[in-house]
Amino acid sequence: MAVPTYCDIGKSSKDLLGKDFPIGSVKLEVKTLTANGVNFTVNGTQDQKSGGITGELKTKYADKVNGLTFTHSWTTKNLLTTEVEVLNQAAKGLKLNVAGSLLPVTGGAKNAKVTLDYKQKNLTAKSVIDLFKGPTFHTDLVVGRDGFLAGGEVGYDLLNGKVTKYTGALGYTGPDYAVALHALEGLNLFAASFYHRVSADVEAGAKATFDAKSTANAVNLEVGTKYYLDSYSFVKAKINNAGQLGLGYSQSLRPGVTVALGGLFDTSKLNENAHRLGLSLTFGN
């Protein structure tokens, strides 16, 4: 089993509790693929609270023979973003990503990052230099063997010469379950999660977090499940110790067309206007 990147430790439970709940917005996404391999993605989102609509047009082209990928996006906020990826050219398992963004009218929101990803059988590593914010340097490393994982990350402000972030994680991934433990925010916030593929139709998971700096001295808990109704649809549910109940339903209407409905309900205020609904419609694979 391949060693995941640092941000993907505990991904199974993260996806179970976080994805497929289109809450508080209406989203439309259209994906197309041309004959010569250019991907076009258009998405728009309306926030139900503010009523504002945001959108993005993205193009992506992958030259698999030479290991090159070009991505360009343009948002309704007039933000231009360009990425270039180079894979397996300098060394096997090494990926170089150069990304930049700019607001062309004002010249603001300038951003440029250089990212190096390195993957081998029992190791993954990632380093990022943000040239305009700081500049700052971020690196993380994960080692694994026989399903056991251990990793850590460090952020460093190059201009001021100080460490800005450090976290750690441990995990284990088995054939039908995964567990993870994270120490975040300077080792002051701890999170434990598990994921279990109960059967071919049922998934279950939970996450518990404890903030060592909080005076409440309490543990926050969230549990969730996913049930496949058939090969084209599934339902999801989650609830936390604050009484917030999340429900989601996803249906493949036909190949390439998927609709998802979601809601977040405050079970302690069922008679009040404290609930949020959402809708997502996706065309394309």
Protein backbone atom coordinates (compact mmCIF):
# COMPACT_ATOMS: atom_id res chain seq x y z
CA MET A 1 0.00 0.00 0.00
CA ALA A 2 1.40 3.37 -1.06
CA VAL A 3 2.38 5.87 1.62
CA PRO A 4 0.03 8.90 1.48
CA THR A 5 1.12 12.51 1.59
CA TYR A 6 1.01 14.26 4.96
CA CYS A 7 -2.28 16.04 4.27
CA ASP A 8 -3.87 12.70 3.32
CA ILE A 9 -3.23 10.95 6.64
CA GLY A 10 -6.77 10.30 7.92
CA LYS A 11 -8.26 11.19 4.52
CA SER A 12 -10.87 8.40 4.60
CA SER A 13 -12.58 9.75 7.73
CA LYS A 14 -12.07 13.34 6.55
CA ASP A 15 -13.89 12.63 3.30
CA LEU A 16 -16.63 10.69 5.04
CA LEU A 17 -17.41 13.55 7.42
CA GLY A 18 -16.68 16.45 5.08
CA LYS A 19 -17.53 15.61 1.48
CA ASP A 20 -20.93 15.27 -0.22
CA PHE A 21 -22.64 17.76 2.10
CA PRO A 22 -23.36 20.78 -0.19
CA ILE A 23 -24.54 22.96 2.68
CA GLY A 24 -25.40 26.66 2.48
CA SER A 25 -24.91 27.08 -1.27
CA VAL A 26 -26.12 26.13 -4.72
CA LYS A 27 -23.33 24.90 -6.98
CA LEU A 28 -23.18 24.07 -10.68
CA GLU A 29 -20.12 22.42 -12.23
CA VAL A 30 -19.57 21.45 -15.85
CA LYS A 31 -16.54 19.40 -16.99
CA THR A 32 -15.64 18.64 -20.59
CA LEU A 33 -12.73 16.94 -22.34
CA THR A 34 -11.64 17.74 -25.90
CA ALA A 35 -10.29 15.23 -28.41
CA ASN A 36 -6.70 16.43 -27.92
CA GLY A 37 -6.84 16.09 -24.12
CA VAL A 38 -7.72 19.61 -22.92
CA ASN A 39 -9.97 19.66 -19.85
CA PHE A 40 -12.41 22.54 -19.35
CA THR A 41 -14.15 23.08 -16.02
CA VAL A 42 -16.73 25.78 -15.36
CA ASN A 43 -18.24 26.13 -11.91
CA GLY A 44 -20.48 28.66 -10.23
CA THR A 45 -21.60 28.93 -6.61
CA GLN A 46 -24.33 31.05 -5.02
CA ASP A 47 -24.05 31.62 -1.29
CA GLN A 48 -27.54 31.34 0.18
CA LYS A 49 -26.78 33.74 3.03
CA SER A 50 -25.36 36.65 1.03
CA GLY A 51 -26.86 35.79 -2.34
CA GLY A 52 -23.51 36.46 -4.01
CA ILE A 53 -22.45 34.37 -6.99
CA THR A 54 -18.86 33.39 -7.73
CA GLY A 55 -17.56 31.46 -10.70
CA GLU A 56 -14.42 30.02 -12.23
CA LEU A 57 -13.27 28.90 -15.66
CA LYS A 58 -10.39 26.41 -15.62
CA THR A 59 -8.45 24.79 -18.43
CA LYS A 60 -6.02 21.93 -17.97
CA TYR A 61 -3.78 20.14 -20.44
CA ALA A 62 -1.58 17.15 -19.64
CA ASP A 63 1.30 16.08 -21.84
CA LYS A 64 1.74 12.60 -20.36
CA VAL A 65 4.60 11.67 -22.67
CA ASN A 66 6.80 14.48 -21.34
CA GLY A 67 5.29 14.59 -17.83
CA LEU A 68 3.99 18.16 -18.20
CA THR A 69 0.67 19.60 -17.00
CA PHE A 70 -0.54 23.15 -17.63
CA THR A 71 -3.48 24.63 -15.70
CA HIS A 72 -4.97 28.10 -16.01
CA SER A 73 -8.02 29.53 -14.24
CA TRP A 74 -9.94 32.82 -14.30
CA THR A 75 -12.49 33.70 -11.63
CA THR A 76 -15.34 36.21 -11.50
CA LYS A 77 -13.21 38.21 -9.05
CA ASN A 78 -10.80 38.67 -11.98
CA LEU A 79 -8.15 36.50 -10.33
CA LEU A 80 -5.83 34.80 -12.81
CA THR A 81 -3.97 31.66 -11.77
CA THR A 82 -1.45 29.61 -13.72
CA GLU A 83 0.23 26.33 -12.76
CA VAL A 84 2.90 24.26 -14.45
CA GLU A 85 3.73 20.74 -13.25
CA VAL A 86 6.72 18.65 -14.27
CA LEU A 87 6.64 14.98 -13.25
CA ASN A 88 9.44 12.38 -13.23
CA GLN A 89 11.89 14.46 -15.25
CA ALA A 90 14.71 15.23 -12.81
CA ALA A 91 14.15 12.00 -10.84
CA LYS A 92 11.61 9.23 -10.61
CA GLY A 93 8.85 10.15 -8.15
CA LEU A 94 9.74 13.86 -8.15
CA LYS A 95 7.13 16.46 -9.16
CA LEU A 96 7.84 20.18 -9.56
CA ASN A 97 4.93 22.62 -9.43
CA VAL A 98 5.22 26.35 -10.11
CA ALA A 99 2.02 28.33 -9.47
CA GLY A 100 1.26 32.03 -9.58
CA SER A 101 -1.82 34.23 -9.27
CA LEU A 102 -2.55 37.90 -9.91
CA LEU A 103 -5.34 40.48 -9.97
CA PRO A 104 -4.37 42.19 -13.25
CA VAL A 105 -6.42 45.39 -12.81
CA THR A 106 -5.12 46.39 -9.38
CA GLY A 107 -1.90 44.41 -9.44
CA GLY A 108 -2.84 43.04 -6.02
CA ALA A 109 -3.19 39.50 -4.65
CA LYS A 110 0.15 38.55 -6.15
CA ASN A 111 1.16 35.07 -5.19
CA ALA A 112 3.87 32.68 -6.36
CA LYS A 113 4.69 29.24 -4.99
CA VAL A 114 7.25 26.61 -5.90
CA THR A 115 6.40 23.10 -4.74
CA LEU A 116 8.45 19.91 -4.78
CA ASP A 117 6.73 16.55 -4.18
CA TYR A 118 8.76 13.37 -3.82
CA LYS A 119 7.22 9.90 -3.55
CA GLN A 120 8.86 6.53 -3.04
CA LYS A 121 7.58 3.18 -1.79
CA ASN A 122 7.89 3.95 1.94
CA LEU A 123 8.26 7.72 1.92
CA THR A 124 6.59 10.91 0.72
CA ALA A 125 7.92 14.43 1.16
CA LYS A 126 6.75 17.89 0.16
CA SER A 127 8.40 21.32 0.27
CA VAL A 128 6.76 24.65 -0.60
CA ILE A 129 8.31 28.11 -0.90
CA ASP A 130 5.85 31.01 -0.91
CA LEU A 131 7.79 33.86 -2.49
CA PHE A 132 5.46 36.76 -1.65
CA LYS A 133 4.13 35.82 1.77
CA GLY A 134 7.20 36.12 3.92
CA PRO A 135 8.80 34.50 1.99
CA THR A 136 7.93 31.33 3.88
CA PHE A 137 9.10 27.75 3.64
CA HIS A 138 6.94 24.73 4.44
CA THR A 139 7.99 21.10 4.43
CA ASP A 140 6.42 17.82 5.50
CA LEU A 141 7.49 14.19 5.52
CA VAL A 142 5.71 10.85 5.92
CA VAL A 143 7.32 7.44 6.34
CA GLY A 144 5.38 4.19 6.36
CA ARG A 145 5.70 0.44 6.48
CA ASP A 146 3.12 -2.39 6.61
CA GLY A 147 0.29 0.13 6.99
CA PHE A 148 1.87 2.12 9.83
CA LEU A 149 2.45 5.84 9.16
CA ALA A 150 4.37 8.62 10.91
CA GLY A 151 4.74 12.17 9.68
CA GLY A 152 5.35 15.77 10.58
CA GLU A 153 5.39 19.26 9.06
CA VAL A 154 7.20 22.50 9.79
CA GLY A 155 6.60 26.06 8.58
CA TYR A 156 9.40 28.65 8.66
CA ASP A 157 9.37 32.41 8.06
CA LEU A 158 12.55 33.07 6.07
CA LEU A 159 12.37 36.86 6.50
CA ASN A 160 12.03 36.88 10.28
CA GLY A 161 13.94 33.65 10.90
CA LYS A 162 11.36 31.87 13.03
CA VAL A 163 9.27 28.71 13.05
CA THR A 164 5.61 29.53 12.34
CA LYS A 165 4.05 26.08 12.39
CA TYR A 166 4.79 22.53 13.49
CA THR A 167 2.48 19.52 13.62
CA GLY A 168 2.73 15.73 13.75
CA ALA A 169 0.63 12.71 12.85
CA LEU A 170 0.51 8.95 13.33
CA GLY A 171 -1.71 6.52 11.48
CA TYR A 172 -2.47 2.98 10.46
CA THR A 173 -4.29 1.78 7.36
CA GLY A 174 -5.64 -1.75 7.16
CA PRO A 175 -7.63 -3.59 4.49
CA ASP A 176 -10.99 -2.26 5.69
CA TYR A 177 -10.22 0.41 8.29
CA ALA A 178 -7.91 3.32 9.07
CA VAL A 179 -7.04 5.27 12.22
CA ALA A 180 -5.11 8.52 12.63
CA LEU A 181 -3.89 10.82 15.40
CA HIS A 182 -2.92 14.45 14.70
CA ALA A 183 -1.19 16.98 16.95
CA LEU A 184 -1.89 20.46 15.54
CA GLU A 185 -1.42 24.16 16.31
CA GLY A 186 1.93 23.85 18.01
CA LEU A 187 0.96 20.52 19.61
CA ASN A 188 -1.95 22.17 21.44
CA LEU A 189 -4.84 20.73 19.41
CA PHE A 190 -5.21 16.95 19.22
CA ALA A 191 -7.47 15.06 16.84
CA ALA A 192 -8.15 11.32 16.63
CA SER A 193 -10.15 9.75 13.82
CA PHE A 194 -11.14 6.35 12.49
CA TYR A 195 -12.76 5.00 9.34
CA HIS A 196 -14.30 1.56 8.87
CA ARG A 197 -15.62 -0.04 5.70
CA VAL A 198 -18.25 -2.12 7.50
CA SER A 199 -19.52 -3.85 4.37
CA ALA A 200 -19.80 -3.27 0.65
CA ASP A 201 -22.73 -0.92 1.33
CA VAL A 202 -21.86 0.76 4.63
CA GLU A 203 -19.03 3.04 5.77
CA ALA A 204 -18.66 4.52 9.25
CA GLY A 205 -16.26 6.95 10.89
CA ALA A 206 -15.71 9.39 13.72
CA LYS A 207 -13.44 12.22 14.79
CA ALA A 208 -12.64 13.56 18.26
CA THR A 209 -10.74 16.80 18.93
CA PHE A 210 -9.32 18.26 22.13
CA ASP A 211 -7.95 21.79 22.51
CA ALA A 212 -5.41 21.88 25.32
CA LYS A 213 -5.64 25.69 25.51
CA SER A 214 -9.42 25.73 25.92
CA THR A 215 -10.75 26.41 29.41
CA ALA A 216 -13.76 24.18 28.71
CA ASN A 217 -11.50 21.10 28.91
CA ALA A 218 -13.98 19.22 26.70
CA VAL A 219 -13.67 16.86 23.76
CA ASN A 220 -15.62 17.58 20.58
CA LEU A 221 -16.97 14.48 18.85
CA GLU A 222 -18.42 13.92 15.39
CA VAL A 223 -19.67 10.60 13.97
CA GLY A 224 -20.93 9.80 10.51
CA THR A 225 -21.96 7.06 8.13
CA LYS A 226 -22.47 6.45 4.41
CA TYR A 227 -24.92 3.97 2.92
CA TYR A 228 -24.99 2.97 -0.74
CA LEU A 229 -28.59 2.59 -1.87
CA ASP A 230 -27.42 1.11 -5.17
CA SER A 231 -24.57 1.58 -7.64
CA TYR A 232 -25.93 5.03 -8.59
CA SER A 233 -26.83 6.67 -5.28
CA PHE A 234 -25.91 6.93 -1.62
CA VAL A 235 -26.97 8.77 1.53
CA LYS A 236 -24.77 10.21 4.27
CA ALA A 237 -25.44 11.36 7.81
CA LYS A 238 -23.31 12.90 10.53
CA ILE A 239 -23.90 14.44 13.95
CA ASN A 240 -21.67 16.15 16.51
CA ASN A 241 -21.90 16.69 20.26
CA ALA A 242 -23.31 20.21 19.68
CA GLY A 243 -26.43 18.62 18.19
CA GLN A 244 -25.75 19.61 14.58
CA LEU A 245 -27.11 16.99 12.21
CA GLY A 246 -25.84 16.83 8.64
CA LEU A 247 -27.64 14.90 5.90
CA GLY A 248 -26.56 14.31 2.33
CA TYR A 249 -27.92 12.51 -0.72
CA SER A 250 -26.10 11.95 -4.00
CA GLN A 251 -27.63 10.50 -7.17
CA SER A 252 -26.06 9.73 -10.52
CA LEU A 253 -28.84 10.63 -12.96
CA ARG A 254 -26.90 9.23 -15.92
CA PRO A 255 -23.21 8.75 -16.73
CA GLY A 256 -21.53 12.12 -16.20
CA VAL A 257 -24.49 13.80 -14.45
CA THR A 258 -24.63 13.85 -10.64
CA VAL A 259 -26.91 15.78 -8.29
CA ALA A 260 -26.27 16.15 -4.55
CA LEU A 261 -28.54 17.54 -1.84
CA GLY A 262 -27.41 18.49 1.66
CA GLY A 263 -28.67 19.99 4.87
CA LEU A 264 -27.31 20.99 8.27
CA PHE A 265 -29.88 21.03 11.07
CA ASP A 266 -29.53 22.28 14.64
CA THR A 267 -31.43 19.67 16.62
CA SER A 268 -31.59 21.96 19.67
CA LYS A 269 -33.41 24.64 17.64
CA LEU A 270 -35.72 22.66 15.39
CA ASN A 271 -38.45 25.32 15.57
CA GLU A 272 -36.07 28.17 14.68
CA ASN A 273 -34.55 29.35 11.43
CA ALA A 274 -31.17 27.86 12.25
CA HIS A 275 -30.87 25.32 9.45
CA ARG A 276 -29.04 25.39 6.11
CA LEU A 277 -29.70 23.57 2.86
CA GLY A 278 -27.70 23.20 -0.32
CA LEU A 279 -27.63 21.75 -3.83
CA SER A 280 -24.85 20.67 -6.19
CA LEU A 281 -25.21 19.66 -9.84
CA THR A 282 -22.21 18.28 -11.74
CA PHE A 283 -21.91 17.52 -15.45
CA GLY A 284 -18.89 15.53 -16.54
CA ASN A 285 -16.60 12.93 -15.01
